[in-house]
């Protein structure tokens, strides 16, 4: 059984998962990794969720305030051994629920065009493609999504 834990600051388990995420993104992003990586720090984020299988951390996600009533989903990751089992969907739903509890109504996020599993995850969970926002406005390999939560 998967257990989801809310955190207000990074832990060793979260940092381990984020390191795994960044290693994978470095491969997928290739020469563009530095551009994307500069926007993936944990500074200023106070809403994290870690998924555990018994005592093993297997996935994570976070959100931060993006604009009035809007959050931005960040640092979504599931260990490859646990993909396709609903872990990421559970994390995403828990992040949206938490944000809604805090008065947020919308969620936005960015993912890379090469992140095929992520794109499918977000579309399956009701996210719709929007015009690239902010620092991703001119990023040709970015896709941005939005959802009412």
Foldseek 3Di string as FASTA:
>chain_A
DKDKDKFQDDDPLNVVQLVVVLVVCCVLVPPCSVVVVVPQDCPQWGTKMFIDDVNHTFWMKTWHDDDVLEIEIHDTDGHPVCPPPCPSVVRVVVRVVVSVVVRHFKYKYKDFQSPVVVVVSCVVVAWDWDQDDDSCNPPPGMTMTMDTD
